[in-house]
Amino acid sequence: MKESSEQNSYLKEADSRGSMELVYASLDVLGKTAWKINKAVFDVTLEVWNKGLAYPSIPALNLEQTMPVPPSDMTDMKAKTDYVVALKKLAQERHAHHADRCSTNYKLEIARTVSRILHL
């Protein structure tokens, strides 16, 4: 778990016992592995992105959301609270969608740059 003090304790203990050597060696191998962009996959991904379509891990350009209907009686505190909670949920979904779009765009730009460097 991220920022778990218990996990950090286990890691430090495993490291002090020498149990992490294989993990470190594996990470070194991965770190020395050159990047390679699969041109066919990149092209399809870029096409999906440019068309604004959704694909399993690519968020669509436009987020489909249905606005909740405001309560007819704003003095009904339960209905009003439910409405406000629904609005907040929509706002959270918009923020998460925007973050996903930004993250995906960043990854695509990295892949595009690596492709140019490697002359694909």
PDB file of N, CA and C in Angstrom:
ATOM      1  N   MET A   1       0.835  -1.166   0.000  1.00  0.00           N
ATOM      2  CA  MET A   1       0.000   0.000   0.000  1.00  0.00           C
ATOM      3  C   MET A   1       0.888   1.240   0.000  1.00  0.00           C
ATOM      4  N   LYS A   2       0.463   2.246  -0.732  1.00  0.00           N
ATOM      5  CA  LYS A   2       1.243   3.466  -0.849  1.00  0.00           C
ATOM      6  C   LYS A   2       1.411   4.127   0.524  1.00  0.00           C
ATOM      7  N   GLU A   3       2.628   4.525   0.806  1.00  0.00           N
ATOM      8  CA  GLU A   3       2.959   5.237   2.042  1.00  0.00           C
ATOM      9  C   GLU A   3       2.562   4.458   3.300  1.00  0.00           C
ATOM     10  N   SER A   4       2.707   3.151   3.265  1.00  0.00           N
ATOM     11  CA  SER A   4       2.381   2.310   4.413  1.00  0.00           C
ATOM     12  C   SER A   4       3.647   2.136   5.251  1.00  0.00           C
ATOM     13  N   SER A   5       3.595   2.571   6.500  1.00  0.00           N
ATOM     14  CA  SER A   5       4.768   2.431   7.371  1.00  0.00           C
ATOM     15  C   SER A   5       5.076   0.952   7.627  1.00  0.00           C
ATOM     16  N   GLU A   6       4.032   0.140   7.719  1.00  0.00           N
ATOM     17  CA  GLU A   6       4.231  -1.292   7.928  1.00  0.00           C
ATOM     18  C   GLU A   6       4.953  -1.922   6.734  1.00  0.00           C
ATOM     19  N   GLN A   7       4.535  -1.524   5.523  1.00  0.00           N
ATOM     20  CA  GLN A   7       5.179  -2.052   4.323  1.00  0.00           C
ATOM     21  C   GLN A   7       6.644  -1.618   4.269  1.00  0.00           C
ATOM     22  N   ASN A   8       6.899  -0.362   4.620  1.00  0.00           N
ATOM     23  CA  ASN A   8       8.283   0.115   4.634  1.00  0.00           C
ATOM     24  C   ASN A   8       9.129  -0.669   5.634  1.00  0.00           C
ATOM     25  N   SER A   9       8.557  -0.996   6.781  1.00  0.00           N
ATOM     26  CA  SER A   9       9.281  -1.784   7.787  1.00  0.00           C
ATOM     27  C   SER A   9       9.633  -3.165   7.244  1.00  0.00           C
ATOM     28  N   TYR A  10       8.657  -3.817   6.591  1.00  0.00           N
ATOM     29  CA  TYR A  10       8.912  -5.136   6.005  1.00  0.00           C
ATOM     30  C   TYR A  10       9.990  -5.059   4.927  1.00  0.00           C
ATOM     31  N   LEU A  11       9.925  -4.016   4.105  1.00  0.00           N
ATOM     32  CA  LEU A  11      10.924  -3.848   3.049  1.00  0.00           C
ATOM     33  C   LEU A  11      12.321  -3.666   3.628  1.00  0.00           C
ATOM     34  N   LYS A  12      12.442  -2.826   4.644  1.00  0.00           N
ATOM     35  CA  LYS A  12      13.751  -2.579   5.269  1.00  0.00           C
ATOM     36  C   LYS A  12      14.295  -3.858   5.897  1.00  0.00           C
ATOM     37  N   GLU A  13      13.421  -4.603   6.546  1.00  0.00           N
ATOM     38  CA  GLU A  13      13.843  -5.857   7.173  1.00  0.00           C
ATOM     39  C   GLU A  13      14.276  -6.872   6.107  1.00  0.00           C
ATOM     40  N   ALA A  14      13.505  -6.994   5.046  1.00  0.00           N
ATOM     41  CA  ALA A  14      13.862  -7.918   3.959  1.00  0.00           C
ATOM     42  C   ALA A  14      15.188  -7.512   3.330  1.00  0.00           C
ATOM     43  N   ASP A  15      15.388  -6.206   3.168  1.00  0.00           N
ATOM     44  CA  ASP A  15      16.635  -5.715   2.581  1.00  0.00           C
ATOM     45  C   ASP A  15      17.820  -6.016   3.498  1.00  0.00           C
ATOM     46  N   SER A  16      17.640  -5.795   4.797  1.00  0.00           N
ATOM     47  CA  SER A  16      18.733  -6.051   5.739  1.00  0.00           C
ATOM     48  C   SER A  16      19.106  -7.536   5.788  1.00  0.00           C
ATOM     49  N   ARG A  17      18.162  -8.404   5.467  1.00  0.00           N
ATOM     50  CA  ARG A  17      18.435  -9.853   5.450  1.00  0.00           C
ATOM     51  C   ARG A  17      18.961 -10.329   4.099  1.00  0.00           C
ATOM     52  N   GLY A  18      19.037  -9.424   3.116  1.00  0.00           N
ATOM     53  CA  GLY A  18      19.537  -9.808   1.799  1.00  0.00           C
ATOM     54  C   GLY A  18      18.488 -10.467   0.923  1.00  0.00           C
ATOM     55  N   SER A  19      17.216 -10.387   1.317  1.00  0.00           N
ATOM     56  CA  SER A  19      16.148 -11.042   0.571  1.00  0.00           C
ATOM     57  C   SER A  19      15.696 -10.264  -0.659  1.00  0.00           C
ATOM     58  N   MET A  20      16.219  -9.071  -0.828  1.00  0.00           N
ATOM     59  CA  MET A  20      15.769  -8.223  -1.938  1.00  0.00           C
ATOM     60  C   MET A  20      16.725  -8.243  -3.126  1.00  0.00           C
ATOM     61  N   GLU A  21      17.811  -8.968  -3.027  1.00  0.00           N
ATOM     62  CA  GLU A  21      18.831  -8.948  -4.076  1.00  0.00           C
ATOM     63  C   GLU A  21      18.285  -9.347  -5.447  1.00  0.00           C
ATOM     64  N   LEU A  22      17.449 -10.383  -5.494  1.00  0.00           N
ATOM     65  CA  LEU A  22      16.874 -10.819  -6.769  1.00  0.00           C
ATOM     66  C   LEU A  22      15.944  -9.743  -7.333  1.00  0.00           C
ATOM     67  N   VAL A  23      15.197  -9.081  -6.455  1.00  0.00           N
ATOM     68  CA  VAL A  23      14.315  -7.989  -6.895  1.00  0.00           C
ATOM     69  C   VAL A  23      15.152  -6.864  -7.478  1.00  0.00           C
ATOM     70  N   TYR A  24      16.220  -6.473  -6.777  1.00  0.00           N
ATOM     71  CA  TYR A  24      17.079  -5.400  -7.269  1.00  0.00           C
ATOM     72  C   TYR A  24      17.723  -5.768  -8.607  1.00  0.00           C
ATOM     73  N   ALA A  25      18.175  -7.005  -8.723  1.00  0.00           N
ATOM     74  CA  ALA A  25      18.793  -7.452  -9.980  1.00  0.00           C
ATOM     75  C   ALA A  25      17.775  -7.405 -11.119  1.00  0.00           C
ATOM     76  N   SER A  26      16.541  -7.809 -10.821  1.00  0.00           N
ATOM     77  CA  SER A  26      15.481  -7.767 -11.847  1.00  0.00           C
ATOM     78  C   SER A  26      15.197  -6.337 -12.275  1.00  0.00           C
ATOM     79  N   LEU A  27      15.147  -5.431 -11.310  1.00  0.00           N
ATOM     80  CA  LEU A  27      14.910  -4.016 -11.637  1.00  0.00           C
ATOM     81  C   LEU A  27      16.061  -3.447 -12.461  1.00  0.00           C
ATOM     82  N   ASP A  28      17.291  -3.872 -12.172  1.00  0.00           N
ATOM     83  CA  ASP A  28      18.431  -3.422 -12.969  1.00  0.00           C
ATOM     84  C   ASP A  28      18.302  -3.871 -14.417  1.00  0.00           C
ATOM     85  N   VAL A  29      17.878  -5.126 -14.610  1.00  0.00           N
ATOM     86  CA  VAL A  29      17.686  -5.641 -15.975  1.00  0.00           C
ATOM     87  C   VAL A  29      16.617  -4.826 -16.694  1.00  0.00           C
ATOM     88  N   LEU A  30      15.508  -4.584 -16.023  1.00  0.00           N
ATOM     89  CA  LEU A  30      14.440  -3.784 -16.633  1.00  0.00           C
ATOM     90  C   LEU A  30      14.923  -2.377 -16.961  1.00  0.00           C
ATOM     91  N   GLY A  31      15.700  -1.798 -16.060  1.00  0.00           N
ATOM     92  CA  GLY A  31      16.210  -0.448 -16.282  1.00  0.00           C
ATOM     93  C   GLY A  31      17.159  -0.353 -17.460  1.00  0.00           C
ATOM     94  N   LYS A  32      17.827  -1.435 -17.777  1.00  0.00           N
ATOM     95  CA  LYS A  32      18.772  -1.445 -18.902  1.00  0.00           C
ATOM     96  C   LYS A  32      18.114  -1.839 -20.220  1.00  0.00           C
ATOM     97  N   THR A  33      16.857  -2.226 -20.152  1.00  0.00           N
ATOM     98  CA  THR A  33      16.138  -2.632 -21.356  1.00  0.00           C
ATOM     99  C   THR A  33      15.737  -1.390 -22.148  1.00  0.00           C
ATOM    100  N   ALA A  34      16.109  -1.346 -23.397  1.00  0.00           N
ATOM    101  CA  ALA A  34      15.811  -0.183 -24.249  1.00  0.00           C
ATOM    102  C   ALA A  34      14.315  -0.098 -24.545  1.00  0.00           C
ATOM    103  N   TRP A  35      13.862   1.132 -24.683  1.00  0.00           N
ATOM    104  CA  TRP A  35      12.469   1.356 -25.057  1.00  0.00           C
ATOM    105  C   TRP A  35      12.249   0.948 -26.498  1.00  0.00           C
ATOM    106  N   LYS A  36      11.079   0.424 -26.775  1.00  0.00           N
ATOM    107  CA  LYS A  36      10.695   0.136 -28.143  1.00  0.00           C
ATOM    108  C   LYS A  36       9.198   0.371 -28.241  1.00  0.00           C
ATOM    109  N   ILE A  37       8.814   1.174 -29.198  1.00  0.00           N
ATOM    110  CA  ILE A  37       7.404   1.488 -29.402  1.00  0.00           C
ATOM    111  C   ILE A  37       6.872   0.574 -30.499  1.00  0.00           C
ATOM    112  N   ASN A  38       5.785  -0.122 -30.207  1.00  0.00           N
ATOM    113  CA  ASN A  38       5.119  -0.949 -31.207  1.00  0.00           C
ATOM    114  C   ASN A  38       4.335   0.005 -32.109  1.00  0.00           C
ATOM    115  N   LYS A  39       4.840   0.222 -33.325  1.00  0.00           N
ATOM    116  CA  LYS A  39       4.269   1.218 -34.239  1.00  0.00           C
ATOM    117  C   LYS A  39       2.798   0.952 -34.542  1.00  0.00           C
ATOM    118  N   ALA A  40       2.434  -0.297 -34.758  1.00  0.00           N
ATOM    119  CA  ALA A  40       1.037  -0.623 -35.090  1.00  0.00           C
ATOM    120  C   ALA A  40       0.114  -0.285 -33.916  1.00  0.00           C
ATOM    121  N   VAL A  41       0.524  -0.647 -32.717  1.00  0.00           N
ATOM    122  CA  VAL A  41      -0.289  -0.348 -31.536  1.00  0.00           C
ATOM    123  C   VAL A  41      -0.353   1.160 -31.322  1.00  0.00           C
ATOM    124  N   PHE A  42       0.783   1.833 -31.487  1.00  0.00           N
ATOM    125  CA  PHE A  42       0.817   3.282 -31.312  1.00  0.00           C
ATOM    126  C   PHE A  42      -0.111   3.974 -32.305  1.00  0.00           C
ATOM    127  N   ASP A  43      -0.087   3.534 -33.555  1.00  0.00           N
ATOM    128  CA  ASP A  43      -0.936   4.157 -34.577  1.00  0.00           C
ATOM    129  C   ASP A  43      -2.421   3.991 -34.260  1.00  0.00           C
ATOM    130  N   VAL A  44      -2.813   2.798 -33.818  1.00  0.00           N
ATOM    131  CA  VAL A  44      -4.213   2.566 -33.463  1.00  0.00           C
ATOM    132  C   VAL A  44      -4.589   3.413 -32.247  1.00  0.00           C
ATOM    133  N   THR A  45      -3.716   3.442 -31.264  1.00  0.00           N
ATOM    134  CA  THR A  45      -3.969   4.236 -30.058  1.00  0.00           C
ATOM    135  C   THR A  45      -4.121   5.706 -30.411  1.00  0.00           C
ATOM    136  N   LEU A  46      -3.243   6.207 -31.263  1.00  0.00           N
ATOM    137  CA  LEU A  46      -3.303   7.607 -31.678  1.00  0.00           C
ATOM    138  C   LEU A  46      -4.589   7.901 -32.446  1.00  0.00           C
ATOM    139  N   GLU A  47      -5.015   6.975 -33.288  1.00  0.00           N
ATOM    140  CA  GLU A  47      -6.265   7.157 -34.034  1.00  0.00           C
ATOM    141  C   GLU A  47      -7.462   7.231 -33.087  1.00  0.00           C
ATOM    142  N   VAL A  48      -7.502   6.323 -32.119  1.00  0.00           N
ATOM    143  CA  VAL A  48      -8.590   6.327 -31.136  1.00  0.00           C
ATOM    144  C   VAL A  48      -8.577   7.639 -30.362  1.00  0.00           C
ATOM    145  N   TRP A  49      -7.395   8.076 -29.938  1.00  0.00           N
ATOM    146  CA  TRP A  49      -7.259   9.320 -29.179  1.00  0.00           C
ATOM    147  C   TRP A  49      -7.718  10.526 -30.006  1.00  0.00           C
ATOM    148  N   ASN A  50      -7.241  10.602 -31.237  1.00  0.00           N
ATOM    149  CA  ASN A  50      -7.571  11.755 -32.087  1.00  0.00           C
ATOM    150  C   ASN A  50      -9.052  11.824 -32.443  1.00  0.00           C
ATOM    151  N   LYS A  51      -9.718  10.683 -32.490  1.00  0.00           N
ATOM    152  CA  LYS A  51     -11.156  10.670 -32.772  1.00  0.00           C
ATOM    153  C   LYS A  51     -11.985  10.917 -31.513  1.00  0.00           C
ATOM    154  N   GLY A  52     -11.322  10.960 -30.352  1.00  0.00           N
ATOM    155  CA  GLY A  52     -12.030  11.200 -29.103  1.00  0.00           C
ATOM    156  C   GLY A  52     -12.831  10.011 -28.620  1.00  0.00           C
ATOM    157  N   LEU A  53     -12.477   8.825 -29.107  1.00  0.00           N
ATOM    158  CA  LEU A  53     -13.225   7.624 -28.737  1.00  0.00           C
ATOM    159  C   LEU A  53     -12.720   7.050 -27.414  1.00  0.00           C
ATOM    160  N   ALA A  54     -13.550   6.245 -26.803  1.00  0.00           N
ATOM    161  CA  ALA A  54     -13.140   5.517 -25.601  1.00  0.00           C
ATOM    162  C   ALA A  54     -12.650   4.142 -26.024  1.00  0.00           C
ATOM    163  N   TYR A  55     -11.612   3.695 -25.390  1.00  0.00           N
ATOM    164  CA  TYR A  55     -11.078   2.367 -25.608  1.00  0.00           C
ATOM    165  C   TYR A  55     -10.685   1.881 -24.225  1.00  0.00           C
ATOM    166  N   PRO A  56     -10.542   0.593 -23.986  1.00  0.00           N
ATOM    167  CA  PRO A  56     -10.423   0.109 -22.610  1.00  0.00           C
ATOM    168  C   PRO A  56      -9.720   1.034 -21.609  1.00  0.00           C
ATOM    169  N   SER A  57      -8.520   1.466 -21.887  1.00  0.00           N
ATOM    170  CA  SER A  57      -7.856   2.336 -20.905  1.00  0.00           C
ATOM    171  C   SER A  57      -7.677   3.761 -21.428  1.00  0.00           C
ATOM    172  N   ILE A  58      -8.331   4.080 -22.525  1.00  0.00           N
ATOM    173  CA  ILE A  58      -8.277   5.437 -23.081  1.00  0.00           C
ATOM    174  C   ILE A  58      -9.634   6.095 -22.844  1.00  0.00           C
ATOM    175  N   PRO A  59      -9.659   7.173 -22.054  1.00  0.00           N
ATOM    176  CA  PRO A  59     -10.943   7.836 -21.809  1.00  0.00           C
ATOM    177  C   PRO A  59     -11.401   8.631 -23.026  1.00  0.00           C
ATOM    178  N   ALA A  60     -12.679   8.621 -23.285  1.00  0.00           N
ATOM    179  CA  ALA A  60     -13.250   9.370 -24.412  1.00  0.00           C
ATOM    180  C   ALA A  60     -13.040  10.866 -24.201  1.00  0.00           C
ATOM    181  N   LEU A  61     -13.083  11.607 -25.296  1.00  0.00           N
ATOM    182  CA  LEU A  61     -12.937  13.056 -25.208  1.00  0.00           C
ATOM    183  C   LEU A  61     -14.043  13.664 -24.357  1.00  0.00           C
ATOM    184  N   ASN A  62     -15.259  13.241 -24.621  1.00  0.00           N
ATOM    185  CA  ASN A  62     -16.406  13.783 -23.893  1.00  0.00           C
ATOM    186  C   ASN A  62     -16.924  12.768 -22.898  1.00  0.00           C
ATOM    187  N   LEU A  63     -17.154  13.235 -21.697  1.00  0.00           N
ATOM    188  CA  LEU A  63     -17.690  12.392 -20.639  1.00  0.00           C
ATOM    189  C   LEU A  63     -19.204  12.494 -20.652  1.00  0.00           C
ATOM    190  N   GLU A  64     -19.837  11.363 -20.800  1.00  0.00           N
ATOM    191  CA  GLU A  64     -21.305  11.329 -20.790  1.00  0.00           C
ATOM    192  C   GLU A  64     -21.786  11.348 -19.343  1.00  0.00           C
ATOM    193  N   GLN A  65     -22.515  12.385 -18.990  1.00  0.00           N
ATOM    194  CA  GLN A  65     -23.064  12.488 -17.646  1.00  0.00           C
ATOM    195  C   GLN A  65     -24.510  12.947 -17.717  1.00  0.00           C
ATOM    196  N   THR A  66     -25.301  12.446 -16.811  1.00  0.00           N
ATOM    197  CA  THR A  66     -26.695  12.864 -16.712  1.00  0.00           C
ATOM    198  C   THR A  66     -26.833  13.714 -15.455  1.00  0.00           C
ATOM    199  N   MET A  67     -27.272  14.931 -15.655  1.00  0.00           N
ATOM    200  CA  MET A  67     -27.450  15.832 -14.525  1.00  0.00           C
ATOM    201  C   MET A  67     -28.638  15.379 -13.681  1.00  0.00           C
ATOM    202  N   PRO A  68     -28.475  15.388 -12.363  1.00  0.00           N
ATOM    203  CA  PRO A  68     -29.596  15.018 -11.504  1.00  0.00           C
ATOM    204  C   PRO A  68     -30.674  16.106 -11.542  1.00  0.00           C
ATOM    205  N   VAL A  69     -31.885  15.677 -11.347  1.00  0.00           N
ATOM    206  CA  VAL A  69     -33.012  16.618 -11.332  1.00  0.00           C
ATOM    207  C   VAL A  69     -33.079  17.253  -9.945  1.00  0.00           C
ATOM    208  N   PRO A  70     -33.100  18.580  -9.889  1.00  0.00           N
ATOM    209  CA  PRO A  70     -33.196  19.219  -8.573  1.00  0.00           C
ATOM    210  C   PRO A  70     -34.528  18.876  -7.907  1.00  0.00           C
ATOM    211  N   PRO A  71     -34.517  18.790  -6.588  1.00  0.00           N
ATOM    212  CA  PRO A  71     -35.770  18.468  -5.904  1.00  0.00           C
ATOM    213  C   PRO A  71     -36.797  19.582  -6.094  1.00  0.00           C
ATOM    214  N   SER A  72     -38.028  19.179  -6.213  1.00  0.00           N
ATOM    215  CA  SER A  72     -39.094  20.173  -6.398  1.00  0.00           C
ATOM    216  C   SER A  72     -39.330  20.970  -5.124  1.00  0.00           C
ATOM    217  N   ASP A  73     -39.046  20.331  -4.001  1.00  0.00           N
ATOM    218  CA  ASP A  73     -39.229  21.001  -2.714  1.00  0.00           C
ATOM    219  C   ASP A  73     -37.855  21.160  -2.056  1.00  0.00           C
ATOM    220  N   MET A  74     -37.285  22.357  -2.151  1.00  0.00           N
ATOM    221  CA  MET A  74     -35.949  22.594  -1.604  1.00  0.00           C
ATOM    222  C   MET A  74     -35.948  22.672  -0.074  1.00  0.00           C
ATOM    223  N   THR A  75     -37.104  22.594   0.537  1.00  0.00           N
ATOM    224  CA  THR A  75     -37.150  22.566   2.001  1.00  0.00           C
ATOM    225  C   THR A  75     -37.034  21.138   2.523  1.00  0.00           C
ATOM    226  N   ASP A  76     -37.150  20.160   1.618  1.00  0.00           N
ATOM    227  CA  ASP A  76     -36.969  18.753   1.990  1.00  0.00           C
ATOM    228  C   ASP A  76     -35.457  18.505   2.087  1.00  0.00           C
ATOM    229  N   MET A  77     -34.923  18.486   3.302  1.00  0.00           N
ATOM    230  CA  MET A  77     -33.482  18.406   3.509  1.00  0.00           C
ATOM    231  C   MET A  77     -32.874  17.110   2.979  1.00  0.00           C
ATOM    232  N   LYS A  78     -33.584  16.000   3.082  1.00  0.00           N
ATOM    233  CA  LYS A  78     -33.062  14.726   2.558  1.00  0.00           C
ATOM    234  C   LYS A  78     -32.914  14.806   1.042  1.00  0.00           C
ATOM    235  N   ALA A  79     -33.940  15.288   0.363  1.00  0.00           N
ATOM    236  CA  ALA A  79     -33.897  15.409  -1.097  1.00  0.00           C
ATOM    237  C   ALA A  79     -32.814  16.402  -1.515  1.00  0.00           C
ATOM    238  N   LYS A  80     -32.705  17.492  -0.801  1.00  0.00           N
ATOM    239  CA  LYS A  80     -31.697  18.511  -1.114  1.00  0.00           C
ATOM    240  C   LYS A  80     -30.281  17.949  -0.919  1.00  0.00           C
ATOM    241  N   THR A  81     -30.093  17.214   0.175  1.00  0.00           N
ATOM    242  CA  THR A  81     -28.794  16.596   0.448  1.00  0.00           C
ATOM    243  C   THR A  81     -28.448  15.574  -0.627  1.00  0.00           C
ATOM    244  N   ASP A  82     -29.399  14.746  -1.010  1.00  0.00           N
ATOM    245  CA  ASP A  82     -29.170  13.758  -2.069  1.00  0.00           C
ATOM    246  C   ASP A  82     -28.776  14.436  -3.373  1.00  0.00           C
ATOM    247  N   TYR A  83     -29.421  15.543  -3.666  1.00  0.00           N
ATOM    248  CA  TYR A  83     -29.130  16.304  -4.885  1.00  0.00           C
ATOM    249  C   TYR A  83     -27.707  16.865  -4.843  1.00  0.00           C
ATOM    250  N   VAL A  84     -27.329  17.445  -3.728  1.00  0.00           N
ATOM    251  CA  VAL A  84     -25.984  18.015  -3.591  1.00  0.00           C
ATOM    252  C   VAL A  84     -24.926  16.916  -3.680  1.00  0.00           C
ATOM    253  N   VAL A  85     -25.189  15.782  -3.052  1.00  0.00           N
ATOM    254  CA  VAL A  85     -24.259  14.648  -3.117  1.00  0.00           C
ATOM    255  C   VAL A  85     -24.115  14.173  -4.565  1.00  0.00           C
ATOM    256  N   ALA A  86     -25.211  14.101  -5.295  1.00  0.00           N
ATOM    257  CA  ALA A  86     -25.169  13.678  -6.707  1.00  0.00           C
ATOM    258  C   ALA A  86     -24.363  14.670  -7.539  1.00  0.00           C
ATOM    259  N   LEU A  87     -24.524  15.967  -7.276  1.00  0.00           N
ATOM    260  CA  LEU A  87     -23.750  16.982  -7.998  1.00  0.00           C
ATOM    261  C   LEU A  87     -22.256  16.849  -7.703  1.00  0.00           C
ATOM    262  N   LYS A  88     -21.924  16.611  -6.440  1.00  0.00           N
ATOM    263  CA  LYS A  88     -20.518  16.437  -6.067  1.00  0.00           C
ATOM    264  C   LYS A  88     -19.919  15.202  -6.727  1.00  0.00           C
ATOM    265  N   LYS A  89     -20.712  14.138  -6.818  1.00  0.00           N
ATOM    266  CA  LYS A  89     -20.242  12.917  -7.474  1.00  0.00           C
ATOM    267  C   LYS A  89     -19.947  13.185  -8.951  1.00  0.00           C
ATOM    268  N   LEU A  90     -20.813  13.937  -9.610  1.00  0.00           N
ATOM    269  CA  LEU A  90     -20.575  14.298 -11.013  1.00  0.00           C
ATOM    270  C   LEU A  90     -19.300  15.118 -11.152  1.00  0.00           C
ATOM    271  N   ALA A  91     -19.085  16.055 -10.234  1.00  0.00           N
ATOM    272  CA  ALA A  91     -17.877  16.881 -10.281  1.00  0.00           C
ATOM    273  C   ALA A  91     -16.630  16.018 -10.097  1.00  0.00           C
ATOM    274  N   GLN A  92     -16.680  15.059  -9.171  1.00  0.00           N
ATOM    275  CA  GLN A  92     -15.550  14.159  -8.959  1.00  0.00           C
ATOM    276  C   GLN A  92     -15.277  13.326 -10.210  1.00  0.00           C
ATOM    277  N   GLU A  93     -16.337  12.851 -10.855  1.00  0.00           N
ATOM    278  CA  GLU A  93     -16.173  12.068 -12.081  1.00  0.00           C
ATOM    279  C   GLU A  93     -15.523  12.919 -13.172  1.00  0.00           C
ATOM    280  N   ARG A  94     -15.942  14.191 -13.284  1.00  0.00           N
ATOM    281  CA  ARG A  94     -15.345  15.091 -14.287  1.00  0.00           C
ATOM    282  C   ARG A  94     -13.860  15.300 -14.009  1.00  0.00           C
ATOM    283  N   HIS A  95     -13.530  15.524 -12.740  1.00  0.00           N
ATOM    284  CA  HIS A  95     -12.124  15.735 -12.378  1.00  0.00           C
ATOM    285  C   HIS A  95     -11.292  14.484 -12.661  1.00  0.00           C
ATOM    286  N   ALA A  96     -11.818  13.317 -12.304  1.00  0.00           N
ATOM    287  CA  ALA A  96     -11.108  12.057 -12.545  1.00  0.00           C
ATOM    288  C   ALA A  96     -10.941  11.816 -14.044  1.00  0.00           C
ATOM    289  N   HIS A  97     -11.979  12.104 -14.810  1.00  0.00           N
ATOM    290  CA  HIS A  97     -11.913  11.938 -16.263  1.00  0.00           C
ATOM    291  C   HIS A  97     -10.853  12.868 -16.854  1.00  0.00           C
ATOM    292  N   HIS A  98     -10.832  14.106 -16.391  1.00  0.00           N
ATOM    293  CA  HIS A  98      -9.840  15.072 -16.875  1.00  0.00           C
ATOM    294  C   HIS A  98      -8.422  14.585 -16.536  1.00  0.00           C
ATOM    295  N   ALA A  99      -8.233  14.085 -15.319  1.00  0.00           N
ATOM    296  CA  ALA A  99      -6.925  13.571 -14.914  1.00  0.00           C
ATOM    297  C   ALA A  99      -6.512  12.376 -15.780  1.00  0.00           C
ATOM    298  N   ASP A 100      -7.450  11.499 -16.079  1.00  0.00           N
ATOM    299  CA  ASP A 100      -7.167  10.348 -16.945  1.00  0.00           C
ATOM    300  C   ASP A 100      -6.782  10.807 -18.348  1.00  0.00           C
ATOM    301  N   ARG A 101      -7.488  11.803 -18.863  1.00  0.00           N
ATOM    302  CA  ARG A 101      -7.169  12.337 -20.198  1.00  0.00           C
ATOM    303  C   ARG A 101      -5.763  12.943 -20.201  1.00  0.00           C
ATOM    304  N   CYS A 102      -5.441  13.701 -19.169  1.00  0.00           N
ATOM    305  CA  CYS A 102      -4.109  14.319 -19.095  1.00  0.00           C
ATOM    306  C   CYS A 102      -3.019  13.261 -19.005  1.00  0.00           C
ATOM    307  N   SER A 103      -3.234  12.244 -18.188  1.00  0.00           N
ATOM    308  CA  SER A 103      -2.263  11.171 -18.033  1.00  0.00           C
ATOM    309  C   SER A 103      -2.058  10.420 -19.347  1.00  0.00           C
ATOM    310  N   THR A 104      -3.135  10.124 -20.036  1.00  0.00           N
ATOM    311  CA  THR A 104      -3.055   9.417 -21.313  1.00  0.00           C
ATOM    312  C   THR A 104      -2.332  10.271 -22.348  1.00  0.00           C
ATOM    313  N   ASN A 105      -2.662  11.548 -22.391  1.00  0.00           N
ATOM    314  CA  ASN A 105      -2.008  12.450 -23.337  1.00  0.00           C
ATOM    315  C   ASN A 105      -0.502  12.520 -23.063  1.00  0.00           C
ATOM    316  N   TYR A 106      -0.127  12.582 -21.798  1.00  0.00           N
ATOM    317  CA  TYR A 106       1.287  12.624 -21.418  1.00  0.00           C
ATOM    318  C   TYR A 106       2.012  11.368 -21.920  1.00  0.00           C
ATOM    319  N   LYS A 107       1.392  10.206 -21.714  1.00  0.00           N
ATOM    320  CA  LYS A 107       1.995   8.952 -22.158  1.00  0.00           C
ATOM    321  C   LYS A 107       2.117   8.896 -23.680  1.00  0.00           C
ATOM    322  N   LEU A 108       1.102   9.399 -24.369  1.00  0.00           N
ATOM    323  CA  LEU A 108       1.167   9.429 -25.835  1.00  0.00           C
ATOM    324  C   LEU A 108       2.278  10.348 -26.321  1.00  0.00           C
ATOM    325  N   GLU A 109       2.449  11.463 -25.662  1.00  0.00           N
ATOM    326  CA  GLU A 109       3.519  12.395 -26.058  1.00  0.00           C
ATOM    327  C   GLU A 109       4.900  11.791 -25.813  1.00  0.00           C
ATOM    328  N   ILE A 110       5.040  11.054 -24.727  1.00  0.00           N
ATOM    329  CA  ILE A 110       6.308  10.366 -24.475  1.00  0.00           C
ATOM    330  C   ILE A 110       6.557   9.332 -25.577  1.00  0.00           C
ATOM    331  N   ALA A 111       5.537   8.555 -25.910  1.00  0.00           N
ATOM    332  CA  ALA A 111       5.676   7.540 -26.964  1.00  0.00           C
ATOM    333  C   ALA A 111       5.990   8.194 -28.304  1.00  0.00           C
ATOM    334  N   ARG A 112       5.341   9.326 -28.586  1.00  0.00           N
ATOM    335  CA  ARG A 112       5.594  10.033 -29.847  1.00  0.00           C
ATOM    336  C   ARG A 112       7.055  10.519 -29.897  1.00  0.00           C
ATOM    337  N   THR A 113       7.543  11.058 -28.794  1.00  0.00           N
ATOM    338  CA  THR A 113       8.920  11.547 -28.737  1.00  0.00           C
ATOM    339  C   THR A 113       9.913  10.407 -28.889  1.00  0.00           C
ATOM    340  N   VAL A 114       9.665   9.312 -28.190  1.00  0.00           N
ATOM    341  CA  VAL A 114      10.558   8.155 -28.304  1.00  0.00           C
ATOM    342  C   VAL A 114      10.538   7.625 -29.736  1.00  0.00           C
ATOM    343  N   SER A 115       9.359   7.611 -30.371  1.00  0.00           N
ATOM    344  CA  SER A 115       9.250   7.147 -31.761  1.00  0.00           C
ATOM    345  C   SER A 115      10.088   8.018 -32.691  1.00  0.00           C
ATOM    346  N   ARG A 116      10.034   9.330 -32.460  1.00  0.00           N
ATOM    347  CA  ARG A 116      10.836  10.251 -33.309  1.00  0.00           C
ATOM    348  C   ARG A 116      12.327  10.017 -33.100  1.00  0.00           C
ATOM    349  N   ILE A 117      12.708   9.838 -31.838  1.00  0.00           N
ATOM    350  CA  ILE A 117      14.116   9.612 -31.540  1.00  0.00           C
ATOM    351  C   ILE A 117      14.604   8.325 -32.189  1.00  0.00           C
ATOM    352  N   LEU A 118      13.753   7.297 -32.162  1.00  0.00           N
ATOM    353  CA  LEU A 118      14.127   6.006 -32.723  1.00  0.00           C
ATOM    354  C   LEU A 118      13.841   5.925 -34.224  1.00  0.00           C
ATOM    355  N   HIS A 119      13.280   7.016 -34.786  1.00  0.00           N
ATOM    356  CA  HIS A 119      12.976   7.102 -36.222  1.00  0.00           C
ATOM    357  C   HIS A 119      12.040   6.006 -36.696  1.00  0.00           C
ATOM    358  N   LEU A 120      10.943   5.822 -35.969  1.00  0.00           N
ATOM    359  CA  LEU A 120       9.970   4.795 -36.385  1.00  0.00           C
ATOM    360  C   LEU A 120       9.012   5.345 -37.407  1.00  0.00           C
TER     361      LEU A 120
END
